[in-house]
Amino acid sequence: IATDLPFLKEVRAQSIERLRTMMAEEGRPSEKFRRLLEVYQIEVEYGRSMNAYPGKLEDGRDVHFVHLGRLSLMYRTTDGAETAYWDANEGAWIVDRDYSRAVEDALEMAEEAVAPDLVTLPIPAARETGS
C-alpha cells in the first residue's frame, strides 16, 4: 500500500491493521488463512477495476477521485476548476487541465452513469529501477 498509488489509503490501511491484529490473536489457522486470502483478493481486484469516490486533498478541498486499476489515479475538484493526476515518479499531483474532459468521462464511467468507452487518461511512464 505504501508503494502503490495513494487511493483509498485509509480503507486499505485499516484492512491491513485488522488483519495484523487477527493474526496476532489466538484462532484457527484455517480462518486466518481465509482472511489473508480475502484481503489479497480485494487488493488484486483494485488492480482490475475503475472506481470513483469522494475525498479531500491535504489542503482540505473536496474532490472526486477516480482510479483505473493501478495505472492511473486522478481527481477533479467538486467545482470542476482543477483536474490532476498522480505521478508516482514524482510522488506528487500534477495539475493538468488538458485531461479535464477525460477525467470527467472516467468519473462518469466509474459511477456507471454512462457506458464504458475508450478514454485517454494520464498514465505516467514507468521509470527504470536498479536490480
C-alpha atoms as a PDB file:
ATOM      1  CA  ILE A   1       0.000   0.000   0.000  1.00  0.00           C
ATOM      2  CA  ALA A   2       2.871   2.353   0.811  1.00  0.00           C
ATOM      3  CA  THR A   3       4.408   1.891  -2.650  1.00  0.00           C
ATOM      4  CA  ASP A   4       1.126   1.824  -4.583  1.00  0.00           C
ATOM      5  CA  LEU A   5      -0.969   4.679  -5.937  1.00  0.00           C
ATOM      6  CA  PRO A   6      -2.402   6.529  -2.929  1.00  0.00           C
ATOM      7  CA  PHE A   7      -6.044   5.547  -3.462  1.00  0.00           C
ATOM      8  CA  LEU A   8      -8.360   4.578  -0.595  1.00  0.00           C
ATOM      9  CA  LYS A   9      -5.355   4.729   1.702  1.00  0.00           C
ATOM     10  CA  GLU A  10      -7.332   4.811   4.956  1.00  0.00           C
ATOM     11  CA  VAL A  11      -9.631   1.934   3.977  1.00  0.00           C
ATOM     12  CA  ARG A  12      -6.753  -0.216   2.805  1.00  0.00           C
ATOM     13  CA  ALA A  13      -4.575   0.578   5.852  1.00  0.00           C
ATOM     14  CA  GLN A  14      -7.448  -0.311   8.204  1.00  0.00           C
ATOM     15  CA  SER A  15      -7.896  -3.620   6.408  1.00  0.00           C
ATOM     16  CA  ILE A  16      -4.219  -4.466   6.869  1.00  0.00           C
ATOM     17  CA  GLU A  17      -4.308  -3.393  10.520  1.00  0.00           C
ATOM     18  CA  ARG A  18      -7.364  -5.604  11.205  1.00  0.00           C
ATOM     19  CA  LEU A  19      -5.550  -8.470   9.501  1.00  0.00           C
ATOM     20  CA  ARG A  20      -2.418  -7.957  11.619  1.00  0.00           C
ATOM     21  CA  THR A  21      -4.486  -7.849  14.806  1.00  0.00           C
ATOM     22  CA  MET A  22      -6.332 -11.013  13.859  1.00  0.00           C
ATOM     23  CA  MET A  23      -3.075 -12.822  13.010  1.00  0.00           C
ATOM     24  CA  ALA A  24      -1.637 -11.969  16.457  1.00  0.00           C
ATOM     25  CA  GLU A  25      -4.690 -13.354  18.266  1.00  0.00           C
ATOM     26  CA  GLU A  26      -5.410 -16.990  19.049  1.00  0.00           C
ATOM     27  CA  GLY A  27      -7.517 -18.682  16.449  1.00  0.00           C
ATOM     28  CA  ARG A  28      -7.746 -21.369  13.852  1.00  0.00           C
ATOM     29  CA  PRO A  29      -5.019 -21.222  11.199  1.00  0.00           C
ATOM     30  CA  SER A  30      -7.596 -22.031   8.527  1.00  0.00           C
ATOM     31  CA  GLU A  31      -9.634 -18.926   9.418  1.00  0.00           C
ATOM     32  CA  LYS A  32      -6.516 -16.751   9.448  1.00  0.00           C
ATOM     33  CA  PHE A  33      -5.513 -18.091   6.054  1.00  0.00           C
ATOM     34  CA  ARG A  34      -9.018 -17.461   4.681  1.00  0.00           C
ATOM     35  CA  ARG A  35      -8.960 -13.838   5.880  1.00  0.00           C
ATOM     36  CA  LEU A  36      -5.461 -13.343   4.454  1.00  0.00           C
ATOM     37  CA  LEU A  37      -6.591 -14.597   1.047  1.00  0.00           C
ATOM     38  CA  GLU A  38      -9.670 -12.385   1.226  1.00  0.00           C
ATOM     39  CA  VAL A  39      -7.543  -9.250   1.742  1.00  0.00           C
ATOM     40  CA  TYR A  40      -5.238 -10.290  -1.116  1.00  0.00           C
ATOM     41  CA  GLN A  41      -8.244 -10.838  -3.395  1.00  0.00           C
ATOM     42  CA  ILE A  42      -9.565  -7.369  -2.607  1.00  0.00           C
ATOM     43  CA  GLU A  43      -6.163  -5.857  -3.424  1.00  0.00           C
ATOM     44  CA  VAL A  44      -5.997  -7.818  -6.691  1.00  0.00           C
ATOM     45  CA  GLU A  45      -9.464  -6.569  -7.622  1.00  0.00           C
ATOM     46  CA  TYR A  46      -8.346  -2.963  -7.104  1.00  0.00           C
ATOM     47  CA  GLY A  47      -5.835  -3.573  -9.883  1.00  0.00           C
ATOM     48  CA  ARG A  48      -8.566  -4.665 -12.295  1.00  0.00           C
ATOM     49  CA  SER A  49     -11.241  -2.106 -11.570  1.00  0.00           C
ATOM     50  CA  MET A  50     -12.180   1.505 -12.129  1.00  0.00           C
ATOM     51  CA  ASN A  51     -13.597   3.238  -9.070  1.00  0.00           C
ATOM     52  CA  ALA A  52     -14.741   6.734  -8.215  1.00  0.00           C
ATOM     53  CA  TYR A  53     -15.135   8.078  -4.713  1.00  0.00           C
ATOM     54  CA  PRO A  54     -15.322  11.437  -2.921  1.00  0.00           C
ATOM     55  CA  GLY A  55     -12.442  12.645  -0.795  1.00  0.00           C
ATOM     56  CA  LYS A  56     -10.367  15.557   0.382  1.00  0.00           C
ATOM     57  CA  LEU A  57      -6.967  16.793  -0.630  1.00  0.00           C
ATOM     58  CA  GLU A  58      -4.338  17.541   2.006  1.00  0.00           C
ATOM     59  CA  ASP A  59      -5.293  21.218   1.776  1.00  0.00           C
ATOM     60  CA  GLY A  60      -8.906  20.355   2.672  1.00  0.00           C
ATOM     61  CA  ARG A  61     -10.525  20.830  -0.737  1.00  0.00           C
ATOM     62  CA  ASP A  62     -13.300  18.409  -1.683  1.00  0.00           C
ATOM     63  CA  VAL A  63     -12.611  16.328  -4.768  1.00  0.00           C
ATOM     64  CA  HIS A  64     -13.859  13.336  -6.708  1.00  0.00           C
ATOM     65  CA  PHE A  65     -11.131  10.728  -7.136  1.00  0.00           C
ATOM     66  CA  VAL A  66     -11.096   8.095  -9.847  1.00  0.00           C
ATOM     67  CA  HIS A  67      -8.555   5.332 -10.207  1.00  0.00           C
ATOM     68  CA  LEU A  68      -8.073   2.985 -13.099  1.00  0.00           C
ATOM     69  CA  GLY A  69      -6.561  -0.128 -11.624  1.00  0.00           C
ATOM     70  CA  ARG A  70      -3.031   0.581 -10.545  1.00  0.00           C
ATOM     71  CA  LEU A  71      -2.342   2.578 -13.696  1.00  0.00           C
ATOM     72  CA  SER A  72      -3.860   5.971 -13.084  1.00  0.00           C
ATOM     73  CA  LEU A  73      -5.209   7.987 -10.160  1.00  0.00           C
ATOM     74  CA  MET A  74      -6.877  11.310 -10.888  1.00  0.00           C
ATOM     75  CA  TYR A  75      -9.117  13.865  -9.251  1.00  0.00           C
ATOM     76  CA  ARG A  76     -11.426  16.684 -10.150  1.00  0.00           C
ATOM     77  CA  THR A  77     -12.381  19.324  -7.608  1.00  0.00           C
ATOM     78  CA  THR A  78     -16.095  19.409  -6.860  1.00  0.00           C
ATOM     79  CA  ASP A  79     -16.394  22.796  -8.560  1.00  0.00           C
ATOM     80  CA  GLY A  80     -14.634  21.385 -11.641  1.00  0.00           C
ATOM     81  CA  ALA A  81     -11.968  24.095 -11.546  1.00  0.00           C
ATOM     82  CA  GLU A  82      -8.988  21.754 -11.186  1.00  0.00           C
ATOM     83  CA  THR A  83      -8.041  18.375 -12.590  1.00  0.00           C
ATOM     84  CA  ALA A  84      -4.887  16.485 -11.662  1.00  0.00           C
ATOM     85  CA  TYR A  85      -3.285  13.068 -11.834  1.00  0.00           C
ATOM     86  CA  TRP A  86      -0.846  11.284  -9.533  1.00  0.00           C
ATOM     87  CA  ASP A  87       2.675  10.956 -10.881  1.00  0.00           C
ATOM     88  CA  ALA A  88       4.271   8.070  -8.999  1.00  0.00           C
ATOM     89  CA  ASN A  89       7.724   9.019 -10.279  1.00  0.00           C
ATOM     90  CA  GLU A  90       7.396  12.458  -8.699  1.00  0.00           C
ATOM     91  CA  GLY A  91       5.275  11.312  -5.773  1.00  0.00           C
ATOM     92  CA  ALA A  92       3.012  14.297  -6.366  1.00  0.00           C
ATOM     93  CA  TRP A  93      -0.172  15.516  -8.005  1.00  0.00           C
ATOM     94  CA  ILE A  94       0.277  17.080 -11.440  1.00  0.00           C
ATOM     95  CA  VAL A  95      -2.388  19.663 -12.240  1.00  0.00           C
ATOM     96  CA  ASP A  96      -3.253  19.410 -15.930  1.00  0.00           C
ATOM     97  CA  ARG A  97      -6.371  20.976 -17.480  1.00  0.00           C
ATOM     98  CA  ASP A  98      -5.692  19.077 -20.728  1.00  0.00           C
ATOM     99  CA  TYR A  99      -7.233  15.988 -19.122  1.00  0.00           C
ATOM    100  CA  SER A 100     -10.350  17.687 -17.713  1.00  0.00           C
ATOM    101  CA  ARG A 101     -12.769  16.117 -20.191  1.00  0.00           C
ATOM    102  CA  ALA A 102     -11.113  12.695 -19.955  1.00  0.00           C
ATOM    103  CA  VAL A 103     -11.233  12.711 -16.139  1.00  0.00           C
ATOM    104  CA  GLU A 104     -14.887  13.779 -16.264  1.00  0.00           C
ATOM    105  CA  ASP A 105     -15.608  10.896 -18.663  1.00  0.00           C
ATOM    106  CA  ALA A 106     -13.726   8.443 -16.433  1.00  0.00           C
ATOM    107  CA  LEU A 107     -15.712   9.601 -13.384  1.00  0.00           C
ATOM    108  CA  GLU A 108     -18.985   9.067 -15.225  1.00  0.00           C
ATOM    109  CA  MET A 109     -17.906   5.591 -16.372  1.00  0.00           C
ATOM    110  CA  ALA A 110     -16.703   4.596 -12.897  1.00  0.00           C
ATOM    111  CA  GLU A 111     -20.005   5.774 -11.401  1.00  0.00           C
ATOM    112  CA  GLU A 112     -21.810   3.789 -14.142  1.00  0.00           C
ATOM    113  CA  ALA A 113     -23.609   6.938 -15.319  1.00  0.00           C
ATOM    114  CA  VAL A 114     -22.512   6.211 -18.895  1.00  0.00           C
ATOM    115  CA  ALA A 115     -21.489   3.090 -20.776  1.00  0.00           C
ATOM    116  CA  PRO A 116     -17.790   2.156 -20.743  1.00  0.00           C
ATOM    117  CA  ASP A 117     -15.870   3.648 -23.622  1.00  0.00           C
ATOM    118  CA  LEU A 118     -12.328   4.469 -24.622  1.00  0.00           C
ATOM    119  CA  VAL A 119     -10.852   7.433 -22.823  1.00  0.00           C
ATOM    120  CA  THR A 120      -7.376   8.953 -22.911  1.00  0.00           C
ATOM    121  CA  LEU A 121      -6.089   9.150 -19.361  1.00  0.00           C
ATOM    122  CA  PRO A 122      -2.769  10.287 -17.935  1.00  0.00           C
ATOM    123  CA  ILE A 123      -0.520   7.341 -17.207  1.00  0.00           C
ATOM    124  CA  PRO A 124       2.976   8.481 -16.261  1.00  0.00           C
ATOM    125  CA  ALA A 125       5.776   6.489 -17.850  1.00  0.00           C
ATOM    126  CA  ALA A 126       7.437   3.880 -15.706  1.00  0.00           C
ATOM    127  CA  ARG A 127      10.952   4.604 -14.663  1.00  0.00           C
ATOM    128  CA  GLU A 128      13.808   2.164 -14.634  1.00  0.00           C
ATOM    129  CA  THR A 129      14.739   0.600 -11.333  1.00  0.00           C
ATOM    130  CA  GLY A 130      18.037  -0.912 -10.413  1.00  0.00           C
ATOM    131  CA  SER A 131      18.318  -4.588  -9.588  1.00  0.00           C
END
